[in-house]
């Protein structure tokens, strides 16, 4: 199992539930990995994991909500679908407010679960694309000299070339040269694109 392959990670202490989910999801062509506890998933977890997590709320030792909190603290962006009993709905709603992707009540229809998984995988794709984009922007930022970075920060703050020249005690021509190199190194054509790129990392 490659961590780059989008995978449905099922964490549930009920072996029969794990088996039925595996049968359903593999039948739909998904790659599935099952764990009997939150602890075992945490041990296997890697930052590179792609896909989504189908997580039972009620488990002994470490509950699904506790695992969610630990993953959140680790900076995990893996979308989480909570599987809940009727009495757990208020807890699941609270988890949504803290960043979980979705929840589904037991007993559920297979198609309801599959539609939630499709949405979670779409979200995972969006998050992965954002991480790649942010990584590329961060790499370009590292190519700037200190002076180019100073000029860029003032440009993004809305300063005019003359104001930048006065503040940095350099000529307008030098500001224009630095500004041109910043645009080239950052791979942008307009000021709006530059602002958007820099703001996306904040």
N, C-alpha and C. Protein backbone atom coordinates (compact mmCIF):
# COMPACT_ATOMS: atom_id res chain seq x y z
N UNK A 1 0.85 -1.20 0.00
CA UNK A 1 0.00 0.00 0.00
C UNK A 1 0.88 1.25 0.00
N UNK A 2 0.77 2.03 -1.06
CA UNK A 2 1.52 3.28 -1.13
C UNK A 2 0.75 4.37 -0.41
N UNK A 3 1.47 5.18 0.40
CA UNK A 3 0.79 6.24 1.11
C UNK A 3 0.28 7.32 0.17
N UNK A 4 0.81 7.35 -1.08
CA UNK A 4 0.34 8.33 -2.04
C UNK A 4 -0.96 7.88 -2.72
N UNK A 5 -1.29 6.59 -2.63
CA UNK A 5 -2.52 6.08 -3.23
C UNK A 5 -3.70 6.47 -2.35
N UNK A 6 -4.70 7.17 -2.92
CA UNK A 6 -5.87 7.50 -2.09
C UNK A 6 -6.48 6.23 -1.51
N UNK A 7 -6.58 6.19 -0.19
CA UNK A 7 -7.00 4.99 0.53
C UNK A 7 -8.10 5.34 1.51
N UNK A 8 -9.06 4.45 1.67
CA UNK A 8 -10.09 4.62 2.69
C UNK A 8 -9.58 3.92 3.95
N UNK A 9 -9.30 4.69 4.98
CA UNK A 9 -8.82 4.14 6.25
C UNK A 9 -10.02 3.96 7.18
N UNK A 10 -10.31 2.72 7.51
CA UNK A 10 -11.46 2.41 8.38
C UNK A 10 -10.92 2.11 9.78
N UNK A 11 -11.38 2.89 10.77
CA UNK A 11 -10.96 2.66 12.16
C UNK A 11 -12.21 2.35 12.97
N UNK A 12 -12.32 1.08 13.37
CA UNK A 12 -13.51 0.61 14.10
C UNK A 12 -13.11 -0.62 14.90
N UNK A 13 -13.54 -0.68 16.17
CA UNK A 13 -13.17 -1.83 17.00
C UNK A 13 -14.03 -3.06 16.69
N UNK A 14 -15.09 -2.89 15.90
CA UNK A 14 -16.00 -3.99 15.55
C UNK A 14 -15.48 -4.68 14.29
N UNK A 15 -15.01 -5.92 14.45
CA UNK A 15 -14.41 -6.63 13.31
C UNK A 15 -15.43 -6.86 12.20
N UNK A 16 -16.68 -7.18 12.57
CA UNK A 16 -17.71 -7.41 11.56
C UNK A 16 -17.96 -6.14 10.74
N UNK A 17 -17.93 -4.98 11.40
CA UNK A 17 -18.12 -3.70 10.68
C UNK A 17 -16.94 -3.44 9.75
N UNK A 18 -15.73 -3.73 10.22
CA UNK A 18 -14.55 -3.55 9.37
C UNK A 18 -14.63 -4.45 8.13
N UNK A 19 -15.05 -5.70 8.34
CA UNK A 19 -15.14 -6.64 7.23
C UNK A 19 -16.20 -6.21 6.21
N UNK A 20 -17.36 -5.75 6.71
CA UNK A 20 -18.43 -5.36 5.78
C UNK A 20 -18.05 -4.10 5.01
N UNK A 21 -17.37 -3.16 5.67
CA UNK A 21 -16.93 -1.95 4.97
C UNK A 21 -15.87 -2.29 3.92
N UNK A 22 -14.96 -3.20 4.28
CA UNK A 22 -13.92 -3.60 3.33
C UNK A 22 -14.57 -4.23 2.09
N UNK A 23 -15.54 -5.12 2.31
CA UNK A 23 -16.23 -5.78 1.20
C UNK A 23 -16.93 -4.75 0.31
N UNK A 24 -17.62 -3.80 0.94
CA UNK A 24 -18.34 -2.76 0.19
C UNK A 24 -17.38 -1.88 -0.60
N UNK A 25 -16.35 -1.37 0.06
CA UNK A 25 -15.47 -0.38 -0.55
C UNK A 25 -14.55 -0.99 -1.61
N UNK A 26 -14.04 -2.18 -1.33
CA UNK A 26 -13.20 -2.84 -2.35
C UNK A 26 -14.05 -3.22 -3.56
N UNK A 27 -15.32 -3.52 -3.31
CA UNK A 27 -16.24 -3.80 -4.43
C UNK A 27 -16.45 -2.60 -5.32
N UNK A 28 -16.24 -1.40 -4.78
CA UNK A 28 -16.35 -0.16 -5.56
C UNK A 28 -15.01 0.26 -6.15
N UNK A 29 -13.98 -0.58 -5.93
CA UNK A 29 -12.68 -0.29 -6.52
C UNK A 29 -11.74 0.53 -5.65
N UNK A 30 -12.13 0.78 -4.40
CA UNK A 30 -11.28 1.57 -3.51
C UNK A 30 -10.21 0.70 -2.85
N UNK A 31 -9.09 1.34 -2.53
CA UNK A 31 -8.08 0.71 -1.68
C UNK A 31 -8.48 0.95 -0.23
N UNK A 32 -8.48 -0.11 0.58
CA UNK A 32 -8.97 -0.01 1.96
C UNK A 32 -7.90 -0.50 2.93
N UNK A 33 -7.76 0.19 4.05
CA UNK A 33 -6.88 -0.26 5.13
C UNK A 33 -7.68 -0.15 6.43
N UNK A 34 -7.73 -1.24 7.19
CA UNK A 34 -8.54 -1.27 8.41
C UNK A 34 -7.67 -1.29 9.66
N UNK A 35 -8.20 -0.66 10.71
CA UNK A 35 -7.52 -0.61 12.01
C UNK A 35 -8.55 -0.85 13.10
N UNK A 36 -8.17 -1.65 14.10
CA UNK A 36 -9.10 -1.99 15.17
C UNK A 36 -9.12 -1.00 16.32
N UNK A 37 -8.24 0.00 16.26
CA UNK A 37 -8.19 0.99 17.35
C UNK A 37 -7.57 2.29 16.85
N UNK A 38 -7.85 3.36 17.58
CA UNK A 38 -7.24 4.65 17.26
C UNK A 38 -5.73 4.59 17.41
N UNK A 39 -5.28 3.85 18.43
CA UNK A 39 -3.83 3.75 18.68
C UNK A 39 -3.11 3.11 17.50
N UNK A 40 -3.70 2.04 16.94
CA UNK A 40 -3.03 1.35 15.83
C UNK A 40 -2.98 2.24 14.58
N UNK A 41 -4.04 3.05 14.39
CA UNK A 41 -4.00 3.97 13.25
C UNK A 41 -2.93 5.04 13.46
N UNK A 42 -2.87 5.59 14.66
CA UNK A 42 -1.85 6.61 14.94
C UNK A 42 -0.44 6.08 14.70
N UNK A 43 -0.21 4.82 15.06
CA UNK A 43 1.10 4.21 14.89
C UNK A 43 1.46 4.12 13.39
N UNK A 44 0.45 3.82 12.56
CA UNK A 44 0.68 3.64 11.12
C UNK A 44 0.62 4.94 10.34
N UNK A 45 0.09 5.98 10.95
CA UNK A 45 -0.16 7.24 10.23
C UNK A 45 1.12 7.87 9.69
N UNK A 46 1.03 8.42 8.46
CA UNK A 46 2.11 9.17 7.84
C UNK A 46 1.55 10.47 7.27
N UNK A 47 2.36 11.52 7.26
CA UNK A 47 1.91 12.80 6.71
C UNK A 47 1.48 12.68 5.26
N UNK A 48 2.08 11.72 4.52
CA UNK A 48 1.82 11.62 3.09
C UNK A 48 0.51 10.91 2.76
N UNK A 49 -0.16 10.38 3.76
CA UNK A 49 -1.38 9.61 3.49
C UNK A 49 -2.40 10.43 2.72
N UNK A 50 -2.99 9.81 1.71
CA UNK A 50 -4.05 10.43 0.91
C UNK A 50 -5.30 9.58 1.00
N UNK A 51 -6.45 10.23 0.93
CA UNK A 51 -7.72 9.51 0.96
C UNK A 51 -8.64 10.09 1.99
N UNK A 52 -9.26 9.24 2.81
CA UNK A 52 -10.11 9.73 3.90
C UNK A 52 -10.18 8.68 5.00
N UNK A 53 -10.68 9.11 6.13
CA UNK A 53 -10.75 8.27 7.32
C UNK A 53 -12.22 8.07 7.69
N UNK A 54 -12.65 6.80 7.78
CA UNK A 54 -14.00 6.47 8.25
C UNK A 54 -13.83 5.99 9.68
N UNK A 55 -14.34 6.77 10.62
CA UNK A 55 -13.95 6.63 12.02
C UNK A 55 -15.16 6.45 12.93
N UNK A 56 -15.17 5.35 13.67
CA UNK A 56 -16.25 5.10 14.63
C UNK A 56 -16.09 6.03 15.83
N UNK A 57 -17.19 6.64 16.26
CA UNK A 57 -17.13 7.57 17.40
C UNK A 57 -16.82 6.82 18.69
N UNK A 58 -17.52 5.72 18.92
CA UNK A 58 -17.40 5.00 20.19
C UNK A 58 -16.46 3.81 20.05
N UNK A 59 -15.28 3.92 20.67
CA UNK A 59 -14.34 2.80 20.73
C UNK A 59 -13.73 2.78 22.12
N UNK A 60 -13.36 1.61 22.62
CA UNK A 60 -12.72 1.56 23.94
C UNK A 60 -11.33 2.19 23.89
N UNK A 61 -10.86 2.58 25.04
CA UNK A 61 -9.53 3.19 25.20
C UNK A 61 -9.45 4.57 24.54
N UNK A 62 -9.32 4.63 23.22
CA UNK A 62 -9.29 5.93 22.55
C UNK A 62 -10.52 6.06 21.66
N UNK A 63 -11.40 7.01 21.97
CA UNK A 63 -12.61 7.20 21.16
C UNK A 63 -12.25 7.85 19.83
N UNK A 64 -13.21 7.83 18.90
CA UNK A 64 -13.00 8.49 17.62
C UNK A 64 -12.75 9.98 17.78
N UNK A 65 -13.46 10.58 18.74
CA UNK A 65 -13.28 12.02 18.97
C UNK A 65 -11.88 12.33 19.50
N UNK A 66 -11.38 11.46 20.38
CA UNK A 66 -10.03 11.65 20.91
C UNK A 66 -8.98 11.49 19.80
N UNK A 67 -9.21 10.51 18.90
CA UNK A 67 -8.29 10.34 17.77
C UNK A 67 -8.32 11.57 16.88
N UNK A 68 -9.52 12.11 16.65
CA UNK A 68 -9.65 13.33 15.84
C UNK A 68 -8.83 14.47 16.44
N UNK A 69 -8.92 14.63 17.75
CA UNK A 69 -8.17 15.70 18.43
C UNK A 69 -6.66 15.51 18.26
N UNK A 70 -6.21 14.25 18.39
CA UNK A 70 -4.78 13.96 18.25
C UNK A 70 -4.31 14.23 16.82
N UNK A 71 -5.11 13.83 15.84
CA UNK A 71 -4.76 14.06 14.44
C UNK A 71 -4.72 15.56 14.14
N UNK A 72 -5.68 16.28 14.71
CA UNK A 72 -5.72 17.73 14.53
C UNK A 72 -4.45 18.37 15.08
N UNK A 73 -4.01 17.91 16.25
CA UNK A 73 -2.80 18.44 16.88
C UNK A 73 -1.56 18.14 16.03
N UNK A 74 -1.61 17.03 15.27
CA UNK A 74 -0.49 16.65 14.40
C UNK A 74 -0.53 17.38 13.06
N UNK A 75 -1.57 18.18 12.84
CA UNK A 75 -1.70 18.91 11.58
C UNK A 75 -2.24 18.08 10.43
N UNK A 76 -2.88 16.94 10.76
CA UNK A 76 -3.43 16.07 9.71
C UNK A 76 -4.57 16.78 8.98
N UNK A 77 -4.58 16.64 7.65
CA UNK A 77 -5.68 17.20 6.85
C UNK A 77 -6.51 16.10 6.22
N UNK A 78 -6.31 14.87 6.64
CA UNK A 78 -7.07 13.75 6.08
C UNK A 78 -8.55 13.93 6.45
N UNK A 79 -9.45 14.03 5.44
CA UNK A 79 -10.87 14.22 5.76
C UNK A 79 -11.41 13.05 6.58
N UNK A 80 -12.23 13.38 7.58
CA UNK A 80 -12.77 12.36 8.49
C UNK A 80 -14.29 12.28 8.36
N UNK A 81 -14.79 11.06 8.19
CA UNK A 81 -16.22 10.79 8.24
C UNK A 81 -16.47 9.98 9.51
N UNK A 82 -17.23 10.54 10.44
CA UNK A 82 -17.55 9.83 11.68
C UNK A 82 -18.74 8.92 11.46
N UNK A 83 -18.65 7.71 12.02
CA UNK A 83 -19.78 6.78 12.03
C UNK A 83 -20.33 6.80 13.45
N UNK A 84 -21.61 7.14 13.59
CA UNK A 84 -22.19 7.37 14.92
C UNK A 84 -23.44 6.54 15.14
N UNK A 85 -23.70 6.26 16.42
CA UNK A 85 -25.02 5.78 16.81
C UNK A 85 -25.92 6.99 17.02
N UNK A 86 -27.23 6.73 17.18
CA UNK A 86 -28.18 7.84 17.28
C UNK A 86 -27.82 8.80 18.42
N UNK A 87 -27.41 8.26 19.56
CA UNK A 87 -27.13 9.10 20.71
C UNK A 87 -25.85 9.92 20.58
N UNK A 88 -25.06 9.61 19.55
CA UNK A 88 -23.78 10.31 19.38
C UNK A 88 -23.85 11.50 18.43
N UNK A 89 -25.04 11.78 17.90
CA UNK A 89 -25.16 12.84 16.90
C UNK A 89 -24.68 14.20 17.42
N UNK A 90 -25.06 14.62 18.67
CA UNK A 90 -24.55 15.92 19.14
C UNK A 90 -23.02 15.98 19.16
N UNK A 91 -22.38 14.85 19.54
CA UNK A 91 -20.91 14.82 19.54
C UNK A 91 -20.38 14.95 18.11
N UNK A 92 -21.04 14.29 17.17
CA UNK A 92 -20.59 14.34 15.78
C UNK A 92 -20.74 15.75 15.22
N UNK A 93 -21.82 16.42 15.58
CA UNK A 93 -22.00 17.81 15.13
C UNK A 93 -20.88 18.68 15.69
N UNK A 94 -20.52 18.46 16.95
CA UNK A 94 -19.40 19.20 17.55
C UNK A 94 -18.10 18.94 16.80
N UNK A 95 -17.91 17.68 16.38
CA UNK A 95 -16.70 17.33 15.61
C UNK A 95 -16.68 18.06 14.27
N UNK A 96 -17.85 18.19 13.63
CA UNK A 96 -17.93 18.94 12.37
C UNK A 96 -17.49 20.38 12.59
N UNK A 97 -17.93 20.95 13.70
CA UNK A 97 -17.56 22.33 14.01
C UNK A 97 -16.07 22.48 14.25
N UNK A 98 -15.41 21.38 14.64
CA UNK A 98 -13.96 21.40 14.87
C UNK A 98 -13.18 20.90 13.66
N UNK A 99 -13.87 20.74 12.51
CA UNK A 99 -13.13 20.47 11.29
C UNK A 99 -13.31 19.10 10.66
N UNK A 100 -14.13 18.22 11.26
CA UNK A 100 -14.39 16.93 10.60
C UNK A 100 -15.14 17.19 9.30
N UNK A 101 -15.07 16.23 8.40
CA UNK A 101 -15.66 16.41 7.08
C UNK A 101 -17.15 16.11 7.07
N UNK A 102 -17.57 15.01 7.73
CA UNK A 102 -18.96 14.57 7.63
C UNK A 102 -19.22 13.53 8.72
N UNK A 103 -20.50 13.16 8.91
CA UNK A 103 -20.80 12.02 9.77
C UNK A 103 -22.01 11.30 9.20
N UNK A 104 -22.11 10.02 9.57
CA UNK A 104 -23.23 9.21 9.10
C UNK A 104 -23.72 8.37 10.27
N UNK A 105 -25.04 8.24 10.40
CA UNK A 105 -25.63 7.49 11.51
C UNK A 105 -25.81 6.02 11.15
N UNK A 106 -25.54 5.14 12.13
CA UNK A 106 -25.85 3.71 11.98
C UNK A 106 -27.31 3.48 12.38
N UNK A 107 -28.00 2.57 11.69
CA UNK A 107 -27.59 1.85 10.48
C UNK A 107 -27.71 2.77 9.26
N UNK A 108 -26.81 2.62 8.32
CA UNK A 108 -26.83 3.49 7.15
C UNK A 108 -26.96 2.67 5.88
N UNK A 109 -27.45 3.34 4.83
CA UNK A 109 -27.48 2.71 3.51
C UNK A 109 -26.09 2.82 2.88
N UNK A 110 -25.70 1.78 2.18
CA UNK A 110 -24.37 1.77 1.56
C UNK A 110 -24.15 2.98 0.66
N UNK A 111 -25.17 3.34 -0.10
CA UNK A 111 -25.00 4.46 -1.05
C UNK A 111 -24.78 5.77 -0.31
N UNK A 112 -25.39 5.92 0.88
CA UNK A 112 -25.17 7.13 1.68
C UNK A 112 -23.69 7.23 2.08
N UNK A 113 -23.13 6.10 2.51
CA UNK A 113 -21.71 6.11 2.90
C UNK A 113 -20.84 6.39 1.68
N UNK A 114 -21.15 5.74 0.56
CA UNK A 114 -20.32 5.92 -0.64
C UNK A 114 -20.35 7.37 -1.14
N UNK A 115 -21.51 8.01 -1.06
CA UNK A 115 -21.59 9.41 -1.52
C UNK A 115 -20.76 10.32 -0.62
N UNK A 116 -20.76 10.04 0.69
CA UNK A 116 -19.93 10.82 1.62
C UNK A 116 -18.44 10.59 1.36
N UNK A 117 -18.10 9.35 1.06
CA UNK A 117 -16.70 9.04 0.76
C UNK A 117 -16.26 9.75 -0.52
N UNK A 118 -17.12 9.77 -1.53
CA UNK A 118 -16.76 10.48 -2.78
C UNK A 118 -16.50 11.96 -2.50
N UNK A 119 -17.36 12.56 -1.66
CA UNK A 119 -17.16 13.98 -1.32
C UNK A 119 -15.86 14.18 -0.55
N UNK A 120 -15.58 13.26 0.38
CA UNK A 120 -14.35 13.37 1.18
C UNK A 120 -13.11 13.24 0.30
N UNK A 121 -13.15 12.36 -0.68
CA UNK A 121 -12.01 12.18 -1.59
C UNK A 121 -11.83 13.41 -2.48
N UNK A 122 -12.94 14.04 -2.89
CA UNK A 122 -12.84 15.29 -3.65
C UNK A 122 -12.17 16.37 -2.81
N UNK A 123 -12.56 16.44 -1.52
CA UNK A 123 -11.94 17.41 -0.61
C UNK A 123 -10.45 17.12 -0.45
N UNK A 124 -10.11 15.83 -0.32
CA UNK A 124 -8.69 15.46 -0.19
C UNK A 124 -7.90 15.88 -1.43
N UNK A 125 -8.50 15.73 -2.60
CA UNK A 125 -7.84 16.17 -3.85
C UNK A 125 -7.59 17.68 -3.82
N UNK A 126 -8.60 18.44 -3.37
CA UNK A 126 -8.46 19.90 -3.30
C UNK A 126 -7.35 20.29 -2.32
N UNK A 127 -7.32 19.64 -1.17
CA UNK A 127 -6.30 19.95 -0.16
C UNK A 127 -4.90 19.59 -0.66
N UNK A 128 -4.79 18.47 -1.37
CA UNK A 128 -3.49 18.06 -1.91
C UNK A 128 -3.01 19.05 -2.97
N UNK A 129 -3.94 19.52 -3.81
CA UNK A 129 -3.57 20.51 -4.83
C UNK A 129 -3.12 21.81 -4.18
N UNK A 130 -3.80 22.20 -3.09
CA UNK A 130 -3.42 23.42 -2.37
C UNK A 130 -2.03 23.28 -1.75
N UNK A 131 -1.75 22.08 -1.19
CA UNK A 131 -0.42 21.85 -0.59
C UNK A 131 0.67 21.93 -1.65
N UNK A 132 0.40 21.35 -2.84
CA UNK A 132 1.39 21.41 -3.92
C UNK A 132 1.63 22.85 -4.35
N UNK A 133 0.53 23.61 -4.50
CA UNK A 133 0.64 25.01 -4.92
C UNK A 133 1.41 25.83 -3.88
N UNK A 134 1.06 25.63 -2.61
CA UNK A 134 1.73 26.39 -1.55
C UNK A 134 3.21 26.02 -1.47
N UNK A 135 3.51 24.74 -1.70
CA UNK A 135 4.91 24.31 -1.69
C UNK A 135 5.70 24.95 -2.81
N UNK A 136 5.07 25.07 -3.99
CA UNK A 136 5.74 25.71 -5.13
C UNK A 136 5.98 27.19 -4.85
N UNK A 137 5.00 27.86 -4.24
CA UNK A 137 5.14 29.28 -3.91
C UNK A 137 6.25 29.47 -2.88
N UNK A 138 6.24 28.61 -1.86
CA UNK A 138 7.28 28.71 -0.82
C UNK A 138 8.67 28.52 -1.42
N UNK A 139 8.79 27.59 -2.38
CA UNK A 139 10.08 27.36 -3.03
C UNK A 139 10.52 28.59 -3.81
N UNK A 140 9.57 29.24 -4.49
CA UNK A 140 9.92 30.46 -5.25
C UNK A 140 10.34 31.59 -4.31
N UNK A 141 9.65 31.69 -3.17
CA UNK A 141 10.02 32.72 -2.19
C UNK A 141 11.46 32.55 -1.71
N UNK A 142 11.88 31.31 -1.58
CA UNK A 142 13.24 31.04 -1.11
C UNK A 142 14.30 31.49 -2.12
N UNK A 143 13.89 31.67 -3.39
CA UNK A 143 14.85 32.08 -4.41
C UNK A 143 15.10 33.60 -4.39
N UNK A 144 14.25 34.34 -3.66
CA UNK A 144 14.40 35.80 -3.62
C UNK A 144 15.57 36.20 -2.73
N UNK A 145 16.28 37.25 -3.14
CA UNK A 145 17.31 37.81 -2.25
C UNK A 145 16.60 38.57 -1.12
N UNK A 146 17.35 38.95 -0.12
CA UNK A 146 16.75 39.67 1.00
C UNK A 146 16.14 40.99 0.52
N UNK A 147 16.85 41.70 -0.35
CA UNK A 147 16.33 42.98 -0.85
C UNK A 147 15.08 42.77 -1.71
N UNK A 148 15.09 41.73 -2.54
CA UNK A 148 13.91 41.45 -3.37
C UNK A 148 12.71 41.13 -2.48
N UNK A 149 12.96 40.41 -1.39
CA UNK A 149 11.88 40.09 -0.47
C UNK A 149 11.34 41.34 0.21
N UNK A 150 12.24 42.24 0.59
CA UNK A 150 11.81 43.51 1.20
C UNK A 150 10.93 44.31 0.23
N UNK A 151 11.38 44.40 -1.02
CA UNK A 151 10.61 45.13 -2.03
C UNK A 151 9.25 44.45 -2.23
N UNK A 152 9.25 43.12 -2.32
CA UNK A 152 8.00 42.40 -2.54
C UNK A 152 7.00 42.65 -1.41
N UNK A 153 7.47 42.60 -0.15
CA UNK A 153 6.56 42.80 0.98
C UNK A 153 5.93 44.19 0.93
N UNK A 154 6.71 45.19 0.52
CA UNK A 154 6.18 46.56 0.42
C UNK A 154 5.22 46.70 -0.76
N UNK A 155 5.53 46.01 -1.86
CA UNK A 155 4.63 46.02 -3.02
C UNK A 155 3.29 45.40 -2.63
N UNK A 156 3.36 44.26 -1.96
CA UNK A 156 2.14 43.55 -1.55
C UNK A 156 1.34 44.38 -0.54
N UNK A 157 2.05 45.19 0.25
CA UNK A 157 1.38 46.06 1.23
C UNK A 157 0.73 47.28 0.56
N UNK A 158 0.92 47.40 -0.77
CA UNK A 158 0.26 48.47 -1.51
C UNK A 158 1.09 49.74 -1.66
N UNK A 159 2.38 49.67 -1.35
CA UNK A 159 3.24 50.86 -1.47
C UNK A 159 3.57 51.13 -2.94
N UNK A 160 3.66 52.40 -3.29
CA UNK A 160 4.07 52.80 -4.63
C UNK A 160 5.59 52.73 -4.73
N UNK A 161 6.08 52.65 -5.97
CA UNK A 161 7.53 52.55 -6.18
C UNK A 161 8.29 53.67 -5.47
N UNK A 162 7.75 54.90 -5.56
CA UNK A 162 8.44 56.04 -4.93
C UNK A 162 8.50 55.87 -3.41
N UNK A 163 7.39 55.39 -2.83
CA UNK A 163 7.37 55.16 -1.38
C UNK A 163 8.36 54.08 -0.97
N UNK A 164 8.45 53.03 -1.79
CA UNK A 164 9.39 51.94 -1.51
C UNK A 164 10.83 52.46 -1.59
N UNK A 165 11.10 53.26 -2.63
CA UNK A 165 12.45 53.82 -2.81
C UNK A 165 12.83 54.67 -1.60
N UNK A 166 11.90 55.50 -1.14
CA UNK A 166 12.17 56.36 0.03
C UNK A 166 12.39 55.52 1.28
N UNK A 167 11.55 54.51 1.48
CA UNK A 167 11.63 53.70 2.70
C UNK A 167 12.92 52.88 2.75
N UNK A 168 13.36 52.37 1.60
CA UNK A 168 14.56 51.52 1.57
C UNK A 168 15.82 52.30 1.22
N UNK A 169 15.61 53.61 0.96
CA UNK A 169 16.74 54.49 0.63
C UNK A 169 17.50 54.00 -0.61
N UNK A 170 16.72 53.65 -1.64
CA UNK A 170 17.30 53.25 -2.93
C UNK A 170 16.59 54.03 -4.03
N UNK A 171 17.11 53.96 -5.24
CA UNK A 171 16.52 54.73 -6.34
C UNK A 171 15.26 54.04 -6.87
N UNK A 172 14.42 54.83 -7.54
CA UNK A 172 13.21 54.28 -8.16
C UNK A 172 13.58 53.22 -9.19
N UNK A 173 14.66 53.48 -9.91
CA UNK A 173 15.09 52.54 -10.96
C UNK A 173 15.46 51.19 -10.34
N UNK A 174 16.12 51.25 -9.18
CA UNK A 174 16.50 50.01 -8.48
C UNK A 174 15.25 49.27 -8.01
N UNK A 175 14.27 50.02 -7.50
CA UNK A 175 13.00 49.41 -7.08
C UNK A 175 12.35 48.70 -8.26
N UNK A 176 12.32 49.37 -9.41
CA UNK A 176 11.69 48.78 -10.61
C UNK A 176 12.41 47.51 -11.03
N UNK A 177 13.74 47.51 -10.93
CA UNK A 177 14.53 46.32 -11.31
C UNK A 177 14.23 45.17 -10.35
N UNK A 178 14.21 45.47 -9.03
CA UNK A 178 13.90 44.43 -8.04
C UNK A 178 12.48 43.90 -8.26
N UNK A 179 11.58 44.81 -8.51
CA UNK A 179 10.17 44.42 -8.70
C UNK A 179 10.02 43.48 -9.90
N UNK A 180 10.72 43.80 -10.97
CA UNK A 180 10.66 42.96 -12.18
C UNK A 180 11.21 41.56 -11.89
N UNK A 181 12.31 41.50 -11.12
CA UNK A 181 12.90 40.19 -10.80
C UNK A 181 11.99 39.39 -9.87
N UNK A 182 11.32 40.10 -8.95
CA UNK A 182 10.38 39.43 -8.05
C UNK A 182 9.26 38.78 -8.87
N UNK A 183 8.69 39.53 -9.81
CA UNK A 183 7.59 39.01 -10.63
C UNK A 183 8.06 37.78 -11.42
N UNK A 184 9.28 37.86 -11.95
CA UNK A 184 9.82 36.75 -12.75
C UNK A 184 10.05 35.52 -11.87
N UNK A 185 10.71 35.71 -10.72
CA UNK A 185 11.01 34.57 -9.85
C UNK A 185 9.74 33.95 -9.24
N UNK A 186 8.74 34.77 -8.99
CA UNK A 186 7.50 34.26 -8.40
C UNK A 186 6.57 33.67 -9.45
N UNK A 187 6.92 33.85 -10.72
CA UNK A 187 6.12 33.25 -11.80
C UNK A 187 4.75 33.88 -11.94
N UNK A 188 4.66 35.20 -11.69
CA UNK A 188 3.38 35.91 -11.81
C UNK A 188 3.51 37.03 -12.83
N UNK A 189 2.36 37.44 -13.38
CA UNK A 189 2.37 38.50 -14.39
C UNK A 189 1.77 39.81 -13.90
N UNK A 190 0.92 39.71 -12.89
CA UNK A 190 0.23 40.92 -12.41
C UNK A 190 0.43 41.07 -10.90
N UNK A 191 0.21 42.29 -10.43
CA UNK A 191 0.30 42.57 -9.00
C UNK A 191 -0.74 41.74 -8.23
N UNK A 192 -1.94 41.60 -8.82
CA UNK A 192 -2.99 40.82 -8.15
C UNK A 192 -2.55 39.37 -7.93
N UNK A 193 -1.88 38.78 -8.94
CA UNK A 193 -1.39 37.40 -8.81
C UNK A 193 -0.33 37.31 -7.72
N UNK A 194 0.53 38.32 -7.64
CA UNK A 194 1.58 38.33 -6.63
C UNK A 194 0.97 38.39 -5.22
N UNK A 195 0.02 39.30 -5.04
CA UNK A 195 -0.64 39.45 -3.73
C UNK A 195 -1.32 38.13 -3.34
N UNK A 196 -2.02 37.52 -4.30
CA UNK A 196 -2.74 36.27 -4.03
C UNK A 196 -1.77 35.16 -3.62
N UNK A 197 -0.62 35.09 -4.31
CA UNK A 197 0.37 34.05 -4.01
C UNK A 197 0.92 34.22 -2.59
N UNK A 198 1.29 35.45 -2.25
CA UNK A 198 1.88 35.70 -0.93
C UNK A 198 0.84 35.49 0.17
N UNK A 199 -0.39 35.95 -0.07
CA UNK A 199 -1.43 35.82 0.96
C UNK A 199 -1.82 34.37 1.18
N UNK A 200 -1.68 33.52 0.17
CA UNK A 200 -2.08 32.11 0.30
C UNK A 200 -1.23 31.38 1.33
N UNK A 201 -0.03 31.90 1.62
CA UNK A 201 0.86 31.26 2.59
C UNK A 201 0.67 31.79 4.00
N UNK A 202 -0.16 32.81 4.16
CA UNK A 202 -0.31 33.41 5.48
C UNK A 202 -1.51 32.80 6.20
